[in-house]
Structures are given as structure tokens and as C-alpha cells.
PDB file of N, CA and C in Angstrom:
ATOM      1  N   MET A   1     131.816  36.801-104.258  1.00  0.00           N
ATOM      2  CA  MET A   1     132.600  35.702-103.682  1.00  0.00           C
ATOM      3  C   MET A   1     133.962  36.210-103.208  1.00  0.00           C
ATOM      4  N   TRP A   2     134.623  36.983-104.066  1.00  0.00           N
ATOM      5  CA  TRP A   2     135.931  37.521-103.678  1.00  0.00           C
ATOM      6  C   TRP A   2     135.827  38.367-102.425  1.00  0.00           C
ATOM      7  N   ASN A   3     134.718  39.138-102.318  1.00  0.00           N
ATOM      8  CA  ASN A   3     134.534  39.993-101.144  1.00  0.00           C
ATOM      9  C   ASN A   3     134.534  39.147 -99.879  1.00  0.00           C
ATOM     10  N   SER A   4     133.872  38.008 -99.912  1.00  0.00           N
ATOM     11  CA  SER A   4     133.820  37.139 -98.736  1.00  0.00           C
ATOM     12  C   SER A   4     135.217  36.637 -98.382  1.00  0.00           C
ATOM     13  N   ILE A   5     135.985  36.268 -99.388  1.00  0.00           N
ATOM     14  CA  ILE A   5     137.344  35.769 -99.141  1.00  0.00           C
ATOM     15  C   ILE A   5     138.211  36.861 -98.538  1.00  0.00           C
ATOM     16  N   PHE A   6     138.139  38.059 -99.126  1.00  0.00           N
ATOM     17  CA  PHE A   6     138.950  39.163 -98.605  1.00  0.00           C
ATOM     18  C   PHE A   6     138.530  39.509 -97.191  1.00  0.00           C
ATOM     19  N   ASN A   7     137.216  39.513 -96.934  1.00  0.00           N
ATOM     20  CA  ASN A   7     136.721  39.818 -95.588  1.00  0.00           C
ATOM     21  C   ASN A   7     137.234  38.784 -94.594  1.00  0.00           C
ATOM     22  N   TYR A   8     137.209  37.500 -94.984  1.00  0.00           N
ATOM     23  CA  TYR A   8     137.679  36.444 -94.079  1.00  0.00           C
ATOM     24  C   TYR A   8     139.155  36.631 -93.776  1.00  0.00           C
ATOM     25  N   VAL A   9     139.955  36.885 -94.814  1.00  0.00           N
ATOM     26  CA  VAL A   9     141.394  37.069 -94.620  1.00  0.00           C
ATOM     27  C   VAL A   9     141.652  38.310 -93.783  1.00  0.00           C
ATOM     28  N   PHE A  10     140.883  39.377 -94.046  1.00  0.00           N
ATOM     29  CA  PHE A  10     141.082  40.624 -93.302  1.00  0.00           C
ATOM     30  C   PHE A  10     140.764  40.428 -91.827  1.00  0.00           C
ATOM     31  N   LEU A  11     139.677  39.707 -91.540  1.00  0.00           N
ATOM     32  CA  LEU A  11     139.307  39.468 -90.149  1.00  0.00           C
ATOM     33  C   LEU A  11     140.307  38.539 -89.478  1.00  0.00           C
ATOM     34  N   LYS A  12     140.829  37.573 -90.256  1.00  0.00           N
ATOM     35  CA  LYS A  12     141.753  36.591 -89.685  1.00  0.00           C
ATOM     36  C   LYS A  12     143.144  37.195 -89.505  1.00  0.00           C
ATOM     37  N   HIS A  13     143.539  38.075 -90.441  1.00  0.00           N
ATOM     38  CA  HIS A  13     144.869  38.685 -90.372  1.00  0.00           C
ATOM     39  C   HIS A  13     144.746  40.209 -90.367  1.00  0.00           C
ATOM     40  N   GLY A  14     143.728  40.713 -89.661  1.00  0.00           N
ATOM     41  CA  GLY A  14     143.483  42.156 -89.632  1.00  0.00           C
ATOM     42  C   GLY A  14     144.678  42.923 -89.093  1.00  0.00           C
ATOM     43  N   SER A  15     145.262  42.452 -87.982  1.00  0.00           N
ATOM     44  CA  SER A  15     146.388  43.161 -87.375  1.00  0.00           C
ATOM     45  C   SER A  15     147.563  43.246 -88.345  1.00  0.00           C
ATOM     46  N   PHE A  16     147.815  42.155 -89.087  1.00  0.00           N
ATOM     47  CA  PHE A  16     148.946  42.146 -90.026  1.00  0.00           C
ATOM     48  C   PHE A  16     148.719  43.165 -91.132  1.00  0.00           C
ATOM     49  N   LEU A  17     147.481  43.238 -91.645  1.00  0.00           N
ATOM     50  CA  LEU A  17     147.172  44.196 -92.709  1.00  0.00           C
ATOM     51  C   LEU A  17     147.302  45.616 -92.188  1.00  0.00           C
ATOM     52  N   GLU A  18     146.887  45.831 -90.944  1.00  0.00           N
ATOM     53  CA  GLU A  18     146.982  47.174 -90.362  1.00  0.00           C
ATOM     54  C   GLU A  18     148.432  47.618 -90.286  1.00  0.00           C
ATOM     55  N   LEU A  19     149.330  46.689 -89.960  1.00  0.00           N
ATOM     56  CA  LEU A  19     150.751  47.035 -89.898  1.00  0.00           C
ATOM     57  C   LEU A  19     151.241  47.465 -91.276  1.00  0.00           C
ATOM     58  N   LEU A  20     150.803  46.768 -92.328  1.00  0.00           N
ATOM     59  CA  LEU A  20     151.222  47.120 -93.686  1.00  0.00           C
ATOM     60  C   LEU A  20     150.671  48.491 -94.058  1.00  0.00           C
ATOM     61  N   VAL A  21     149.422  48.749 -93.689  1.00  0.00           N
ATOM     62  CA  VAL A  21     148.797  50.040 -94.027  1.00  0.00           C
ATOM     63  C   VAL A  21     149.499  51.172 -93.281  1.00  0.00           C
ATOM     64  N   ASN A  22     149.795  50.946 -92.003  1.00  0.00           N
ATOM     65  CA  ASN A  22     150.463  51.978 -91.215  1.00  0.00           C
ATOM     66  C   ASN A  22     151.854  52.263 -91.757  1.00  0.00           C
ATOM     67  N   TYR A  23     152.515  51.220 -92.265  1.00  0.00           N
ATOM     68  CA  TYR A  23     153.850  51.401 -92.800  1.00  0.00           C
ATOM     69  C   TYR A  23     153.773  52.226 -94.087  1.00  0.00           C
TER      70      TYR A  23
END
């Protein structure tokens, strides 16, 4: 269940997460 939630958030805010990872 958590995997689905994280996947949804990642797909919805993928660009934002990428900025954090790049930083």
C-alpha cells in the first residue's frame, strides 16, 4: 500500500523530488 502512495506522489511531484535529489 505504501508503495502505491509513494509511486503516486513521485509521479505527481516527480520534478520536485528530482530537484531535491540533484541538490
